[in-house]
N, C-alpha and C. Protein backbone atom coordinates (compact mmCIF):
# COMPACT_ATOMS: atom_id res chain seq x y z
N UNK A 1 0.83 -1.18 0.00
CA UNK A 1 0.00 0.00 0.00
C UNK A 1 0.88 1.24 0.00
N UNK A 2 0.34 2.24 -0.62
CA UNK A 2 1.07 3.50 -0.68
C UNK A 2 0.75 4.34 0.54
N UNK A 3 1.56 5.34 0.74
CA UNK A 3 1.33 6.25 1.86
C UNK A 3 -0.01 6.96 1.75
N UNK A 4 -0.42 7.25 0.52
CA UNK A 4 -1.69 7.95 0.32
C UNK A 4 -2.86 7.12 0.83
N UNK A 5 -2.86 5.81 0.57
CA UNK A 5 -3.93 4.93 1.04
C UNK A 5 -3.94 4.85 2.57
N UNK A 6 -2.76 4.80 3.19
CA UNK A 6 -2.67 4.75 4.65
C UNK A 6 -3.22 6.03 5.27
N UNK A 7 -2.93 7.14 4.64
CA UNK A 7 -3.44 8.43 5.16
C UNK A 7 -4.96 8.47 5.07
N UNK A 8 -5.51 8.02 3.96
CA UNK A 8 -6.97 7.99 3.79
C UNK A 8 -7.61 7.06 4.82
N UNK A 9 -7.03 5.89 5.02
CA UNK A 9 -7.57 4.94 6.01
C UNK A 9 -7.48 5.54 7.41
N UNK A 10 -6.37 6.17 7.73
CA UNK A 10 -6.21 6.79 9.04
C UNK A 10 -7.22 7.91 9.25
N UNK A 11 -7.40 8.75 8.27
CA UNK A 11 -8.38 9.84 8.38
C UNK A 11 -9.80 9.31 8.51
N UNK A 12 -10.15 8.28 7.78
CA UNK A 12 -11.48 7.68 7.89
C UNK A 12 -11.69 7.07 9.26
N UNK A 13 -10.68 6.42 9.81
CA UNK A 13 -10.76 5.82 11.14
C UNK A 13 -10.95 6.90 12.20
N UNK A 14 -10.22 7.99 12.09
CA UNK A 14 -10.35 9.09 13.06
C UNK A 14 -11.73 9.73 12.95
N UNK A 15 -12.21 9.95 11.74
CA UNK A 15 -13.53 10.53 11.54
C UNK A 15 -14.62 9.63 12.12
N UNK A 16 -14.50 8.34 11.92
CA UNK A 16 -15.47 7.38 12.45
C UNK A 16 -15.45 7.38 13.98
N UNK A 17 -14.27 7.41 14.57
CA UNK A 17 -14.14 7.41 16.03
C UNK A 17 -14.75 8.68 16.63
N UNK A 18 -14.53 9.81 15.99
CA UNK A 18 -15.06 11.07 16.51
C UNK A 18 -16.58 11.11 16.37
N UNK A 19 -17.10 10.67 15.24
CA UNK A 19 -18.55 10.75 15.01
C UNK A 19 -19.33 9.74 15.84
N UNK A 20 -18.72 8.65 16.26
CA UNK A 20 -19.44 7.64 17.04
C UNK A 20 -19.71 8.12 18.46
N UNK A 21 -18.99 9.10 18.95
CA UNK A 21 -19.21 9.64 20.29
C UNK A 21 -20.34 10.64 20.35
N UNK A 22 -20.83 11.08 19.22
CA UNK A 22 -21.90 12.08 19.15
C UNK A 22 -23.22 11.38 18.90
N UNK A 23 -23.83 10.87 19.96
CA UNK A 23 -25.08 10.14 19.83
C UNK A 23 -26.23 11.07 20.19
N UNK A 24 -27.21 11.14 19.31
CA UNK A 24 -28.39 11.97 19.55
C UNK A 24 -29.34 11.25 20.48
N UNK A 25 -29.80 11.95 21.49
CA UNK A 25 -30.80 11.41 22.41
C UNK A 25 -32.10 12.16 22.20
N UNK A 26 -33.13 11.48 21.77
CA UNK A 26 -34.42 12.10 21.52
C UNK A 26 -35.13 12.38 22.84
N UNK A 27 -36.00 13.37 22.83
CA UNK A 27 -36.85 13.64 23.99
C UNK A 27 -37.85 12.51 24.13
N UNK A 28 -38.12 12.13 25.38
CA UNK A 28 -39.04 11.03 25.65
C UNK A 28 -40.25 11.57 26.38
N UNK A 29 -41.40 11.30 25.82
CA UNK A 29 -42.66 11.70 26.43
C UNK A 29 -43.45 10.44 26.72
N UNK A 30 -43.79 10.21 27.97
CA UNK A 30 -44.50 9.00 28.37
C UNK A 30 -45.78 9.35 29.11
N UNK A 31 -46.85 8.65 28.78
CA UNK A 31 -48.08 8.78 29.55
C UNK A 31 -49.12 9.66 28.89
N UNK A 32 -50.06 10.12 29.74
CA UNK A 32 -51.17 10.96 29.31
C UNK A 32 -50.82 12.42 29.59
N UNK A 33 -50.73 13.23 28.54
CA UNK A 33 -50.51 14.66 28.73
C UNK A 33 -51.85 15.27 29.13
N UNK A 34 -51.93 15.75 30.36
CA UNK A 34 -53.16 16.32 30.88
C UNK A 34 -52.99 17.82 30.98
N UNK A 35 -53.82 18.54 30.26
CA UNK A 35 -53.78 20.01 30.30
C UNK A 35 -54.42 20.50 31.59
N UNK A 36 -53.92 21.62 32.06
CA UNK A 36 -54.44 22.20 33.31
C UNK A 36 -55.92 22.54 33.20
N UNK A 37 -56.34 23.03 32.03
CA UNK A 37 -57.75 23.39 31.87
C UNK A 37 -58.66 22.15 31.85
N UNK A 38 -58.16 21.01 31.36
CA UNK A 38 -58.93 19.77 31.42
C UNK A 38 -59.03 19.27 32.86
N UNK A 39 -57.94 19.36 33.58
CA UNK A 39 -57.93 18.93 34.97
C UNK A 39 -58.84 19.79 35.83
N UNK A 40 -58.94 21.07 35.49
CA UNK A 40 -59.82 21.98 36.24
C UNK A 40 -61.29 21.62 36.04
N UNK A 41 -61.63 20.98 34.93
CA UNK A 41 -63.02 20.59 34.66
C UNK A 41 -63.41 19.29 35.35
N UNK A 42 -62.41 18.54 35.83
CA UNK A 42 -62.68 17.27 36.50
C UNK A 42 -63.34 17.53 37.85
N UNK A 43 -64.48 16.88 38.09
CA UNK A 43 -65.24 17.12 39.32
C UNK A 43 -65.71 15.81 39.95
N UNK A 44 -65.89 15.86 41.24
CA UNK A 44 -66.50 14.74 41.95
C UNK A 44 -67.93 14.61 41.45
N UNK A 45 -68.37 13.38 41.19
CA UNK A 45 -69.72 13.12 40.70
C UNK A 45 -69.77 12.79 39.22
N UNK A 46 -68.66 12.96 38.51
CA UNK A 46 -68.63 12.62 37.08
C UNK A 46 -68.61 11.11 36.90
N UNK A 47 -69.12 10.63 35.77
CA UNK A 47 -69.11 9.20 35.47
C UNK A 47 -67.77 8.82 34.84
N UNK A 48 -67.52 7.53 34.74
CA UNK A 48 -66.28 7.04 34.11
C UNK A 48 -66.20 7.48 32.66
N UNK A 49 -67.32 7.45 31.96
CA UNK A 49 -67.33 7.89 30.56
C UNK A 49 -66.98 9.36 30.43
N UNK A 50 -67.48 10.19 31.34
CA UNK A 50 -67.17 11.61 31.30
C UNK A 50 -65.68 11.86 31.56
N UNK A 51 -65.11 11.11 32.50
CA UNK A 51 -63.68 11.25 32.81
C UNK A 51 -62.85 10.79 31.62
N UNK A 52 -63.22 9.67 31.01
CA UNK A 52 -62.48 9.16 29.86
C UNK A 52 -62.57 10.15 28.69
N UNK A 53 -63.72 10.79 28.48
CA UNK A 53 -63.86 11.78 27.42
C UNK A 53 -62.97 13.00 27.70
N UNK A 54 -62.90 13.40 28.95
CA UNK A 54 -62.14 14.60 29.32
C UNK A 54 -60.63 14.36 29.35
N UNK A 55 -60.19 13.26 29.98
CA UNK A 55 -58.76 13.02 30.19
C UNK A 55 -58.18 11.91 29.31
N UNK A 56 -59.02 11.14 28.67
CA UNK A 56 -58.54 10.02 27.86
C UNK A 56 -58.49 8.74 28.68
N UNK A 57 -58.02 7.68 28.04
CA UNK A 57 -57.88 6.39 28.71
C UNK A 57 -56.72 6.46 29.68
N UNK A 58 -56.90 5.96 30.91
CA UNK A 58 -55.83 6.07 31.89
C UNK A 58 -54.58 5.29 31.49
N UNK A 59 -53.44 5.80 31.91
CA UNK A 59 -52.14 5.18 31.62
C UNK A 59 -52.04 3.81 32.32
N UNK A 60 -52.50 3.75 33.55
CA UNK A 60 -52.40 2.53 34.34
C UNK A 60 -53.81 2.01 34.61
N UNK A 61 -54.06 0.79 34.17
CA UNK A 61 -55.35 0.15 34.39
C UNK A 61 -55.10 -1.05 35.29
N UNK A 62 -55.31 -0.85 36.57
CA UNK A 62 -55.03 -1.89 37.56
C UNK A 62 -56.15 -2.93 37.54
N UNK A 63 -55.86 -4.17 37.16
CA UNK A 63 -56.92 -5.19 37.12
C UNK A 63 -57.44 -5.57 38.50
N UNK A 64 -56.69 -5.25 39.56
CA UNK A 64 -57.11 -5.60 40.91
C UNK A 64 -57.90 -4.48 41.58
N UNK A 65 -57.88 -3.29 40.99
CA UNK A 65 -58.61 -2.15 41.56
C UNK A 65 -59.26 -1.37 40.43
N UNK A 66 -60.44 -1.79 40.02
CA UNK A 66 -61.16 -1.15 38.91
C UNK A 66 -61.73 0.21 39.30
N UNK A 67 -61.67 0.54 40.59
CA UNK A 67 -62.25 1.80 41.06
C UNK A 67 -61.21 2.92 41.14
N UNK A 68 -60.03 2.70 40.57
CA UNK A 68 -58.98 3.73 40.59
C UNK A 68 -58.33 3.81 39.22
N UNK A 69 -58.26 5.03 38.69
CA UNK A 69 -57.57 5.28 37.43
C UNK A 69 -56.41 6.22 37.71
N UNK A 70 -55.25 5.87 37.18
CA UNK A 70 -54.06 6.71 37.35
C UNK A 70 -53.62 7.26 36.01
N UNK A 71 -53.43 8.57 35.98
CA UNK A 71 -52.92 9.27 34.80
C UNK A 71 -51.52 9.76 35.14
N UNK A 72 -50.52 9.19 34.48
CA UNK A 72 -49.13 9.52 34.76
C UNK A 72 -48.52 10.08 33.48
N UNK A 73 -47.73 11.15 33.63
CA UNK A 73 -47.06 11.76 32.48
C UNK A 73 -45.72 12.31 32.91
N UNK A 74 -44.71 12.10 32.07
CA UNK A 74 -43.45 12.80 32.28
C UNK A 74 -42.78 13.05 30.94
N UNK A 75 -41.99 14.11 30.91
CA UNK A 75 -41.26 14.51 29.71
C UNK A 75 -39.79 14.58 30.07
N UNK A 76 -38.99 13.82 29.34
CA UNK A 76 -37.54 13.77 29.59
C UNK A 76 -36.84 14.29 28.34
N UNK A 77 -36.08 15.36 28.50
CA UNK A 77 -35.36 15.97 27.39
C UNK A 77 -33.93 15.48 27.37
N UNK A 78 -33.57 14.78 26.30
CA UNK A 78 -32.24 14.24 26.08
C UNK A 78 -31.72 13.50 27.31
N UNK A 79 -30.57 13.85 27.82
CA UNK A 79 -29.96 13.13 28.94
C UNK A 79 -30.34 13.71 30.30
N UNK A 80 -31.09 14.80 30.32
CA UNK A 80 -31.48 15.45 31.57
C UNK A 80 -32.56 14.65 32.28
N UNK A 81 -32.78 14.97 33.55
CA UNK A 81 -33.88 14.36 34.29
C UNK A 81 -35.20 14.86 33.71
N UNK A 82 -36.28 14.20 34.09
CA UNK A 82 -37.60 14.60 33.60
C UNK A 82 -37.87 16.05 33.99
N UNK A 83 -38.30 16.84 33.00
CA UNK A 83 -38.52 18.26 33.25
C UNK A 83 -39.96 18.55 33.66
N UNK A 84 -40.88 17.71 33.25
CA UNK A 84 -42.29 17.91 33.58
C UNK A 84 -42.87 16.58 34.00
N UNK A 85 -43.45 16.54 35.20
CA UNK A 85 -44.02 15.31 35.72
C UNK A 85 -45.41 15.61 36.28
N UNK A 86 -46.32 14.67 36.09
CA UNK A 86 -47.65 14.83 36.67
C UNK A 86 -48.23 13.44 36.92
N UNK A 87 -48.87 13.30 38.06
CA UNK A 87 -49.55 12.06 38.41
C UNK A 87 -50.86 12.42 39.06
N UNK A 88 -51.96 12.00 38.43
CA UNK A 88 -53.30 12.27 38.93
C UNK A 88 -54.01 10.94 39.09
N UNK A 89 -54.64 10.74 40.24
CA UNK A 89 -55.43 9.53 40.48
C UNK A 89 -56.89 9.93 40.64
N UNK A 90 -57.76 9.17 40.00
CA UNK A 90 -59.20 9.39 40.11
C UNK A 90 -59.79 8.15 40.75
N UNK A 91 -60.47 8.34 41.88
CA UNK A 91 -61.06 7.24 42.63
C UNK A 91 -62.57 7.26 42.40
N UNK A 92 -63.13 6.08 42.09
CA UNK A 92 -64.56 5.96 41.82
C UNK A 92 -65.25 5.16 42.92
N UNK A 93 -66.52 5.47 43.14
CA UNK A 93 -67.42 4.64 43.94
C UNK A 93 -68.69 4.51 43.14
N UNK A 94 -69.09 3.28 42.85
CA UNK A 94 -70.27 3.00 42.02
C UNK A 94 -70.17 3.70 40.67
N UNK A 95 -68.99 3.66 40.06
CA UNK A 95 -68.71 4.23 38.74
C UNK A 95 -68.91 5.74 38.66
N UNK A 96 -68.78 6.41 39.79
CA UNK A 96 -68.87 7.87 39.86
C UNK A 96 -67.65 8.37 40.64
N UNK A 97 -67.05 9.48 40.19
CA UNK A 97 -65.85 10.02 40.84
C UNK A 97 -66.18 10.41 42.28
N UNK A 98 -65.39 9.87 43.22
CA UNK A 98 -65.57 10.20 44.63
C UNK A 98 -64.38 10.99 45.18
N UNK A 99 -63.21 10.86 44.53
CA UNK A 99 -62.01 11.56 45.01
C UNK A 99 -61.06 11.79 43.85
N UNK A 100 -60.38 12.95 43.88
CA UNK A 100 -59.39 13.30 42.87
C UNK A 100 -58.10 13.64 43.60
N UNK A 101 -57.04 12.92 43.30
CA UNK A 101 -55.72 13.18 43.91
C UNK A 101 -54.81 13.79 42.84
N UNK A 102 -54.49 15.07 43.01
CA UNK A 102 -53.69 15.78 42.01
C UNK A 102 -52.27 15.96 42.53
N UNK A 103 -51.36 16.18 41.60
CA UNK A 103 -49.97 16.55 41.88
C UNK A 103 -49.29 15.62 42.89
N UNK A 104 -49.43 14.34 42.68
CA UNK A 104 -48.72 13.37 43.51
C UNK A 104 -47.27 13.33 43.07
N UNK A 105 -46.38 12.94 43.95
CA UNK A 105 -44.96 12.91 43.65
C UNK A 105 -44.57 11.66 42.88
N UNK A 106 -43.86 11.87 41.78
CA UNK A 106 -43.29 10.76 41.03
C UNK A 106 -41.84 10.56 41.48
N UNK A 107 -41.28 9.43 41.14
CA UNK A 107 -39.90 9.13 41.46
C UNK A 107 -39.00 10.23 40.89
N UNK A 108 -38.17 10.88 41.70
CA UNK A 108 -37.33 11.96 41.19
C UNK A 108 -36.24 11.50 40.23
N UNK A 109 -35.98 10.19 40.16
CA UNK A 109 -34.94 9.68 39.27
C UNK A 109 -35.42 9.39 37.85
N UNK A 110 -36.63 9.77 37.51
CA UNK A 110 -37.13 9.55 36.14
C UNK A 110 -36.30 10.30 35.15
């Protein structure tokens, strides 16, 4: 091989090594995005259908507790910790909202 080929191979190897360290991390959005104005409309006494229409299908559907719906959402930008987190639980009695738990704490390590 000539010196010119070795230089080209060396430059390509260096370029490949440098570019492999630059990995793009996409933003991750998980769960139900609940707008503040939708949450403000949620009231005790609403039916399950009304809640589903307003907030959507719950993120967590616990088969052992059909009387509780959990709406969980977090947004993680690139390598940073989650920048926006929300956890809302809706408790039903006889298929009617009896309690609304807003702004519960999510794991800070998300």
